[in-house]
Protein backbone atom coordinates (compact mmCIF):
# COMPACT_ATOMS: atom_id res chain seq x y z
CA UNK A 1 115.91 49.76 85.81
CA UNK A 2 113.28 47.17 84.62
CA UNK A 3 110.00 48.19 83.03
CA UNK A 4 107.93 47.28 86.15
CA UNK A 5 110.11 49.50 88.60
CA UNK A 6 110.04 52.41 86.28
CA UNK A 7 106.08 52.06 85.85
CA UNK A 8 105.65 52.08 89.69
CA UNK A 9 107.95 54.99 90.09
CA UNK A 10 106.46 56.77 87.34
CA UNK A 11 102.89 56.16 88.95
CA UNK A 12 104.10 57.32 92.32
CA UNK A 13 105.45 60.90 90.63
CA UNK A 14 102.06 60.93 88.93
CA UNK A 15 99.99 60.51 91.99
CA UNK A 16 102.36 62.51 94.25
CA UNK A 17 101.54 65.87 92.13
CA UNK A 18 98.13 64.91 91.05
CA UNK A 19 97.12 65.13 94.69
CA UNK A 20 98.98 68.50 95.09
CA UNK A 21 97.46 70.17 91.90
CA UNK A 22 94.00 68.73 92.82
CA UNK A 23 93.47 71.36 95.67
CA UNK A 24 96.41 73.71 95.85
CA UNK A 25 95.66 75.78 92.53
CA UNK A 26 92.01 76.21 93.38
CA UNK A 27 92.69 76.93 97.41
CA UNK A 28 92.31 80.71 97.15
CA UNK A 29 89.11 80.43 95.19
CA UNK A 30 87.64 77.96 97.53
CA UNK A 31 88.23 79.86 100.70
CA UNK A 32 87.09 82.90 99.03
CA UNK A 33 83.61 81.36 97.44
CA UNK A 34 82.90 78.55 100.03
CA UNK A 35 84.32 79.86 103.19
CA UNK A 36 84.28 83.58 102.62
CA UNK A 37 87.80 83.83 103.85
CA UNK A 38 89.58 86.98 104.08
CA UNK A 39 93.10 87.77 102.24
CA UNK A 40 94.68 87.45 105.37
CA UNK A 41 93.08 83.98 106.11
CA UNK A 42 93.86 82.75 102.69
CA UNK A 43 97.55 83.93 102.95
CA UNK A 44 97.49 82.12 106.41
CA UNK A 45 96.29 79.01 104.80
CA UNK A 46 98.93 79.09 102.16
CA UNK A 47 101.71 79.96 104.61
CA UNK A 48 100.85 76.30 105.85
CA UNK A 49 102.93 75.13 102.95
CA UNK A 50 105.93 77.24 104.43
CA UNK A 51 105.63 75.74 107.75
CA UNK A 52 105.60 72.30 106.16
CA UNK A 53 108.81 72.82 104.43
CA UNK A 54 110.18 73.96 107.59
CA UNK A 55 109.26 71.19 109.71
CA UNK A 56 109.85 68.46 106.77
CA UNK A 57 113.58 68.17 107.28
CA UNK A 58 112.89 66.89 110.90
CA UNK A 59 110.43 64.29 109.94
CA UNK A 60 113.07 63.02 107.02
CA UNK A 61 116.26 63.41 109.05
CA UNK A 62 114.94 62.15 112.64
CA UNK A 63 112.55 59.64 111.22
CA UNK A 64 112.76 58.19 107.45
CA UNK A 65 116.57 58.46 107.43
CA UNK A 66 117.03 56.53 110.55
CA UNK A 67 114.45 54.19 111.57
CA UNK A 68 111.82 53.20 109.02
CA UNK A 69 111.59 52.51 105.33
CA UNK A 70 110.78 55.26 103.11
CA UNK A 71 108.18 53.79 101.29
CA UNK A 72 106.24 52.63 104.28
CA UNK A 73 106.43 56.32 105.80
CA UNK A 74 105.00 57.41 102.34
CA UNK A 75 102.27 55.08 102.55
CA UNK A 76 101.34 56.08 106.24
CA UNK A 77 101.51 59.90 105.39
CA UNK A 78 99.42 59.55 102.64
CA UNK A 79 96.68 57.56 104.37
CA UNK A 80 96.85 60.30 107.13
CA UNK A 81 96.43 62.69 104.31
CA UNK A 82 93.70 60.96 102.81
CA UNK A 83 91.62 61.26 106.43
CA UNK A 84 92.55 65.17 106.32
CA UNK A 85 91.69 65.67 102.88
CA UNK A 86 88.00 64.26 103.38
CA UNK A 87 87.89 66.44 106.48
CA UNK A 88 88.58 69.25 104.52
CA UNK A 89 86.00 68.60 102.20
CA UNK A 90 83.53 68.62 104.85
CA UNK A 91 84.66 71.87 106.39
CA UNK A 92 82.22 74.73 106.25
CA UNK A 93 84.27 77.63 107.96
CA UNK A 94 87.76 78.81 108.09
CA UNK A 95 88.14 77.89 111.85
CA UNK A 96 87.80 74.44 111.24
CA UNK A 97 89.43 74.21 107.86
CA UNK A 98 92.83 76.06 109.00
CA UNK A 99 94.04 73.48 111.58
CA UNK A 100 93.29 70.66 109.17
CA UNK A 101 95.22 72.02 106.16
CA UNK A 102 97.97 73.01 108.53
CA UNK A 103 98.29 69.41 109.76
CA UNK A 104 97.83 68.19 106.22
CA UNK A 105 101.00 70.20 104.85
CA UNK A 106 103.16 69.24 107.51
CA UNK A 107 102.72 65.67 106.70
CA UNK A 108 102.67 66.37 103.00
CA UNK A 109 105.70 68.41 102.30
CA UNK A 110 108.14 65.36 103.60
CA UNK A 111 106.61 63.28 101.02
CA UNK A 112 108.44 65.43 98.23
CA UNK A 113 111.77 64.15 99.69
CA UNK A 114 110.29 60.66 100.23
CA UNK A 115 109.28 60.06 96.60
CA UNK A 116 112.79 61.26 95.62
CA UNK A 117 114.60 58.99 98.00
CA UNK A 118 112.51 55.93 96.86
CA UNK A 119 113.33 57.10 93.10
CA UNK A 120 116.92 57.55 93.54
CA UNK A 121 117.50 54.39 95.62
CA UNK A 122 116.74 52.35 92.36
CA UNK A 123 118.66 54.20 89.77
CA UNK A 124 122.29 53.54 88.80
CA UNK A 125 122.47 56.74 86.87
CA UNK A 126 120.21 59.25 88.39
CA UNK A 127 121.03 62.08 85.88
CA UNK A 128 119.66 60.08 83.01
CA UNK A 129 116.93 57.99 84.83
CA UNK A 130 115.24 60.70 87.11
CA UNK A 131 114.17 63.06 84.66
CA UNK A 132 111.74 60.69 82.52
CA UNK A 133 110.30 59.61 85.96
CA UNK A 134 109.97 63.00 87.55
CA UNK A 135 108.26 64.34 84.38
CA UNK A 136 105.20 62.15 85.53
CA UNK A 137 104.74 64.46 88.52
CA UNK A 138 104.33 67.56 86.19
CA UNK A 139 101.80 65.38 84.00
CA UNK A 140 99.86 64.32 87.19
CA UNK A 141 99.40 68.17 88.33
CA UNK A 142 98.57 69.05 84.61
CA UNK A 143 95.85 66.06 84.66
CA UNK A 144 94.47 67.36 87.90
CA UNK A 145 94.04 70.90 86.59
CA UNK A 146 92.22 69.66 83.37
CA UNK A 147 89.80 67.47 85.14
CA UNK A 148 88.69 70.19 87.53
CA UNK A 149 87.99 72.74 84.64
CA UNK A 150 86.99 70.23 81.44
CA UNK A 151 85.72 67.08 83.07
CA UNK A 152 84.16 67.91 86.27
CA UNK A 153 83.48 71.92 85.42
CA UNK A 154 83.99 72.50 89.04
CA UNK A 155 85.42 76.05 88.59
CA UNK A 156 82.88 77.13 86.21
CA UNK A 157 80.95 80.16 87.51
CA UNK A 158 77.58 78.15 88.15
CA UNK A 159 79.40 75.33 89.96
CA UNK A 160 81.47 77.65 91.99
CA UNK A 161 78.32 79.46 93.22
CA UNK A 162 76.79 76.25 94.28
CA UNK A 163 79.82 75.20 96.07
CA UNK A 164 81.10 72.41 93.96
CA UNK A 165 84.76 73.74 94.17
CA UNK A 166 84.99 71.67 97.49
CA UNK A 167 85.10 68.34 95.48
CA UNK A 168 88.45 69.02 94.69
CA UNK A 169 89.51 67.94 98.38
CA UNK A 170 87.44 64.81 97.57
CA UNK A 171 89.30 64.22 94.56
CA UNK A 172 92.67 64.78 96.26
CA UNK A 173 91.50 62.28 99.37
CA UNK A 174 90.65 59.45 97.04
CA UNK A 175 94.09 59.80 95.31
CA UNK A 176 95.85 60.15 98.43
CA UNK A 177 94.19 56.91 99.67
CA UNK A 178 95.18 55.39 96.39
CA UNK A 179 98.84 56.39 96.78
CA UNK A 180 99.04 55.56 100.61
CA UNK A 181 97.89 51.96 99.56
CA UNK A 182 100.06 51.64 96.40
CA UNK A 183 103.18 52.91 98.50
CA UNK A 184 103.58 49.75 100.23
CA UNK A 185 103.98 48.05 96.95
CA UNK A 186 107.00 50.00 96.09
CA UNK A 187 110.39 48.96 96.02
CA UNK A 188 112.40 48.53 99.33
CA UNK A 189 114.11 51.49 100.60
CA UNK A 190 115.81 51.17 103.92
CA UNK A 191 116.85 53.89 106.23
CA UNK A 192 120.21 55.68 104.99
CA UNK A 193 121.80 56.64 108.41
CA UNK A 194 123.52 53.87 110.43
CA UNK A 195 122.40 52.77 113.73
CA UNK A 196 123.64 55.09 116.31
CA UNK A 197 124.56 57.64 113.84
CA UNK A 198 124.31 61.24 115.38
CA UNK A 199 122.50 63.95 113.53
CA UNK A 200 122.54 67.75 114.35
CA UNK A 201 120.07 70.21 114.17
CA UNK A 202 122.23 72.33 112.17
CA UNK A 203 122.61 69.52 109.73
CA UNK A 204 118.78 68.96 109.20
CA UNK A 205 118.06 72.69 108.60
CA UNK A 206 121.21 73.17 106.41
CA UNK A 207 122.73 75.52 108.86
CA UNK A 208 126.07 73.87 108.03
CA UNK A 209 126.12 75.73 105.01
CA UNK A 210 125.72 79.27 106.59
CA UNK A 211 129.62 79.57 106.09
CA UNK A 212 129.01 79.93 102.19
CA UNK A 213 127.30 83.35 102.95
CA UNK A 214 130.88 84.49 103.44
CA UNK A 215 131.03 84.27 99.44
CA UNK A 216 129.49 87.64 98.27
CA UNK A 217 128.10 86.14 95.15
CA UNK A 218 126.47 83.22 97.14
CA UNK A 219 125.16 85.77 99.68
CA UNK A 220 123.60 87.85 96.95
CA UNK A 221 122.13 84.96 95.52
CA UNK A 222 120.40 83.84 98.75
CA UNK A 223 118.80 87.35 99.42
CA UNK A 224 117.54 87.35 96.07
CA UNK A 225 116.02 83.90 96.52
CA UNK A 226 114.21 85.12 99.70
CA UNK A 227 112.98 88.53 97.71
CA UNK A 228 111.84 86.73 94.09
CA UNK A 229 109.49 84.06 96.66
CA UNK A 230 107.36 86.93 97.57
CA UNK A 231 105.99 87.51 94.00
CA UNK A 232 106.03 83.69 93.67
CA UNK A 233 103.49 83.78 96.71
CA UNK A 234 101.36 86.32 94.96
CA UNK A 235 100.93 83.89 92.02
CA UNK A 236 100.17 80.75 94.20
CA UNK A 237 97.59 82.60 96.30
CA UNK A 238 95.91 85.05 93.89
CA UNK A 239 96.03 83.95 90.34
CA UNK A 240 93.17 81.12 90.52
CA UNK A 241 90.92 83.75 92.34
CA UNK A 242 92.06 86.41 90.00
CA UNK A 243 91.16 84.71 86.81
CA UNK A 244 87.73 83.34 88.31
CA UNK A 245 86.91 86.66 89.46
CA UNK A 246 87.31 88.64 86.14
CA UNK A 247 85.47 85.95 84.39
CA UNK A 248 88.23 83.68 82.54
CA UNK A 249 86.36 80.61 81.69
CA UNK A 250 88.00 77.12 82.95
CA UNK A 251 90.75 79.04 84.80
CA UNK A 252 92.32 75.98 86.60
CA UNK A 253 92.70 74.22 83.08
CA UNK A 254 94.23 77.29 81.60
CA UNK A 255 96.67 77.47 84.49
CA UNK A 256 97.80 74.22 83.46
CA UNK A 257 99.60 75.96 80.42
CA UNK A 258 102.10 77.09 83.16
CA UNK A 259 103.11 73.56 84.12
CA UNK A 260 103.64 72.72 80.33
CA UNK A 261 105.48 75.78 79.96
CA UNK A 262 107.68 74.59 83.00
CA UNK A 263 108.50 71.24 81.36
CA UNK A 264 109.50 72.77 78.17
CA UNK A 265 111.82 75.44 79.72
CA UNK A 266 113.41 72.76 81.75
CA UNK A 267 114.93 71.43 78.62
CA UNK A 268 116.01 74.85 77.25
CA UNK A 269 117.71 75.42 80.76
CA UNK A 270 121.20 73.73 80.17
CA UNK A 271 121.60 75.31 76.93
CA UNK A 272 120.77 78.82 78.42
CA UNK A 273 123.27 78.23 81.30
CA UNK A 274 126.35 77.09 78.93
CA UNK A 275 125.78 80.06 76.57
CA UNK A 276 124.81 82.83 78.89
CA UNK A 277 126.17 81.85 82.43
CA UNK A 278 124.23 81.87 85.66
CA UNK A 279 123.87 85.61 86.21
CA UNK A 280 121.91 86.14 82.93
CA UNK A 281 119.97 83.05 83.38
CA UNK A 282 118.73 84.17 86.77
CA UNK A 283 118.01 87.58 85.68
CA UNK A 284 116.21 86.30 82.78
CA UNK A 285 113.73 84.13 85.26
CA UNK A 286 113.41 87.47 87.43
CA UNK A 287 112.71 89.77 84.62
CA UNK A 288 109.91 87.25 83.60
CA UNK A 289 108.40 87.81 86.81
CA UNK A 290 108.14 91.58 86.39
CA UNK A 291 106.61 91.12 82.94
CA UNK A 292 104.08 88.38 83.84
CA UNK A 293 102.53 90.61 86.78
CA UNK A 294 102.59 93.42 84.50
CA UNK A 295 100.64 91.43 81.94
CA UNK A 296 98.02 90.44 84.72
CA UNK A 297 97.52 94.01 85.49
CA UNK A 298 96.68 95.36 82.08
CA UNK A 299 94.95 91.92 80.72
CA UNK A 300 91.07 91.19 80.94
CA UNK A 301 88.70 88.20 80.38
CA UNK A 302 87.88 89.34 76.82
CA UNK A 303 90.08 91.34 74.40
CA UNK A 304 92.91 91.00 76.69
CA UNK A 305 92.91 87.59 77.43
CA UNK A 306 95.65 86.71 75.19
CA UNK A 307 97.90 88.81 77.85
CA UNK A 308 96.88 86.67 80.53
CA UNK A 309 97.77 83.26 78.82
CA UNK A 310 101.18 84.66 77.92
CA UNK A 311 101.63 85.62 81.75
CA UNK A 312 100.55 82.13 82.63
CA UNK A 313 102.96 80.84 79.82
CA UNK A 314 105.82 82.56 81.42
CA UNK A 315 105.68 80.27 84.70
CA UNK A 316 108.04 77.94 83.04
CA UNK A 317 110.84 80.82 82.43
CA UNK A 318 109.90 82.29 85.93
CA UNK A 319 110.21 79.09 88.02
CA UNK A 320 112.89 77.22 86.03
CA UNK A 321 115.32 80.03 85.27
CA UNK A 322 115.37 81.13 88.81
CA UNK A 323 114.61 78.20 91.11
CA UNK A 324 115.99 75.16 89.30
CA UNK A 325 119.03 77.05 88.17
CA UNK A 326 119.54 78.38 91.70
CA UNK A 327 119.52 74.80 92.84
CA UNK A 328 122.12 74.02 90.18
CA UNK A 329 124.34 77.06 91.12
CA UNK A 330 124.07 76.09 94.75
CA UNK A 331 125.31 72.55 94.11
CA UNK A 332 128.25 74.04 92.11
CA UNK A 333 129.18 76.27 94.95
CA UNK A 334 128.75 73.83 97.86
CA UNK A 335 131.25 71.09 96.81
CA UNK A 336 130.77 67.58 97.95
CA UNK A 337 130.96 68.35 101.98
CA UNK A 338 128.20 70.79 102.08
CA UNK A 339 126.06 69.83 98.89
CA UNK A 340 123.24 68.81 101.21
CA UNK A 341 123.21 71.19 103.65
CA UNK A 342 123.33 73.95 101.06
CA UNK A 343 120.27 72.61 99.31
CA UNK A 344 118.45 72.42 102.71
CA UNK A 345 119.62 76.08 103.33
CA UNK A 346 118.09 77.38 100.00
CA UNK A 347 114.80 75.41 100.38
CA UNK A 348 114.42 76.81 103.97
CA UNK A 349 115.33 80.53 102.65
CA UNK A 350 112.89 79.88 99.74
CA UNK A 351 109.67 77.63 100.59
CA UNK A 352 110.17 78.72 104.09
CA UNK A 353 111.16 82.04 104.97
CA UNK A 354 110.48 83.91 101.53
CA UNK A 355 107.03 82.29 100.90
CA UNK A 356 105.96 82.68 104.37
CA UNK A 357 106.51 86.50 104.06
CA UNK A 358 105.14 86.51 100.51
CA UNK A 359 102.14 84.80 101.60
CA UNK A 360 101.64 87.39 104.41
CA UNK A 361 101.92 90.19 102.22
CA UNK A 362 99.72 88.76 99.52
CA UNK A 363 96.83 88.38 101.95
CA UNK A 364 97.19 91.92 103.46
CA UNK A 365 97.08 93.41 99.81
CA UNK A 366 94.17 91.25 98.95
CA UNK A 367 92.28 92.92 101.69
CA UNK A 368 93.64 96.28 101.00
CA UNK A 369 92.45 96.48 97.63
CA UNK A 370 88.93 94.71 98.16
CA UNK A 371 86.14 96.88 97.21
CA UNK A 372 82.71 97.49 98.98
CA UNK A 373 81.30 95.48 95.88
CA UNK A 374 83.10 92.42 96.82
CA UNK A 375 85.38 92.76 93.98
CA UNK A 376 89.37 93.40 94.08
CA UNK A 377 91.32 96.10 92.43
CA UNK A 378 93.49 93.51 90.44
CA UNK A 379 95.68 95.90 88.61
CA UNK A 380 96.83 97.65 92.02
CA UNK A 381 97.43 94.16 93.43
CA UNK A 382 99.44 92.90 90.71
CA UNK A 383 101.54 95.86 90.42
CA UNK A 384 103.01 95.44 93.91
CA UNK A 385 104.66 92.02 93.17
CA UNK A 386 105.73 93.14 89.93
CA UNK A 387 107.32 96.24 91.66
CA UNK A 388 109.00 93.70 94.26
CA UNK A 389 110.56 91.68 91.44
CA UNK A 390 111.90 95.05 89.80
CA UNK A 391 113.66 95.43 93.27
CA UNK A 392 114.90 91.94 93.25
CA UNK A 393 116.19 92.35 89.77
CA UNK A 394 118.22 95.45 90.49
CA UNK A 395 119.69 94.03 93.95
CA UNK A 396 120.94 90.87 92.01
CA UNK A 397 121.95 93.15 88.77
CA UNK A 398 124.34 95.65 90.63
CA UNK A 399 125.64 93.40 93.37
CA UNK A 400 126.08 90.00 91.81
CA UNK A 401 129.41 89.37 89.93
CA UNK A 402 129.34 86.83 87.34
CA UNK A 403 131.68 83.60 87.41
CA UNK A 404 130.49 81.75 84.31
CA UNK A 405 128.91 78.42 84.92
CA UNK A 406 130.13 75.82 82.20
CA UNK A 407 128.85 72.37 81.66
CA UNK A 408 128.96 70.40 83.67
CA UNK A 409 127.67 73.15 85.71
CA UNK A 410 130.79 73.64 87.52
CA UNK A 411 131.73 77.37 88.41
CA UNK A 412 134.97 78.11 87.40
CA UNK A 413 137.47 78.17 90.17
CA UNK A 414 135.22 76.07 92.34
CA UNK A 415 135.64 72.53 93.55
């Protein structure tokens, strides 16, 4: 791959995740301070990500893979997203905001697969070439958070009080417009499916891989994946509003520590995998969820700030050691025949079903522990996802039987 193509793909990844990080992290805080949304309404807004994840396979499988070049669809989706983001920037109430964010997420979630398709199409050795390009997506997310806190100060107490947090949508709109136009200059990525080739609904949703649930270990992992997504939803929905409400300065900037941690733990994952096996790797990730929310429950903006920072920094362990490790495990279990279907099934279970349940519970819990003074009982709120994570840990620990995974991440006796 020459430098010009590598640069364009890296910039594509940077903008793709800059856009998401520019508004999604602060969404809960924005809805509460600017639109006076309830916890349930905030949960509904975050749930649009899950609906987008469920609908995305249809857009990719029925349109992108069959009729049009991936880079052209990517451009059209981001140009449409730019318009929707600008309309969200102008929204003054939740009633007008919700259909816009719902439509946006239905259009945005398929772009996550499209940028991968554009990238892989240019690579001869994806295992070596993809990571250096994909890391620019993480850098893009981090850059957006740092800009919000340390360049524009939109999440400072004074600026949030004056409604400045809505500017995150304007920033995302501009970035989406840039990526939309830039996408048409990306390398040619023609449809993958042959003309006349039939595609089934079960294949699109990964339902062909349901027979894998006959395997006890995979069934336990599958249920555990849904369970652990409930605590994950609490983090996405409540972490930024929590930090802002208790008076932590520059909360969005501080949350970028989680993405930095994610990049670092990703480097440690193969070593941990080969030395300790799949079960201990996943347990480490799940136990980290228990610890992080306990730290959130006892930390504060003054003497306990370091506890909150540790909790944020655990994001890499929480995410990589469960979700990325789970993708690797699924890949090893499925074999060539059901590899794509199995990944689709896990995505549907986690970002679809699991987080949809999680966002709904997080919204109800936030409303339940909202005081008459307009402040939340955060200690009680955070102990709930910590408790759910404990149940997930116990479920997985007692029911999963280890078959050690060794490099190159193939389970013994499989494939």
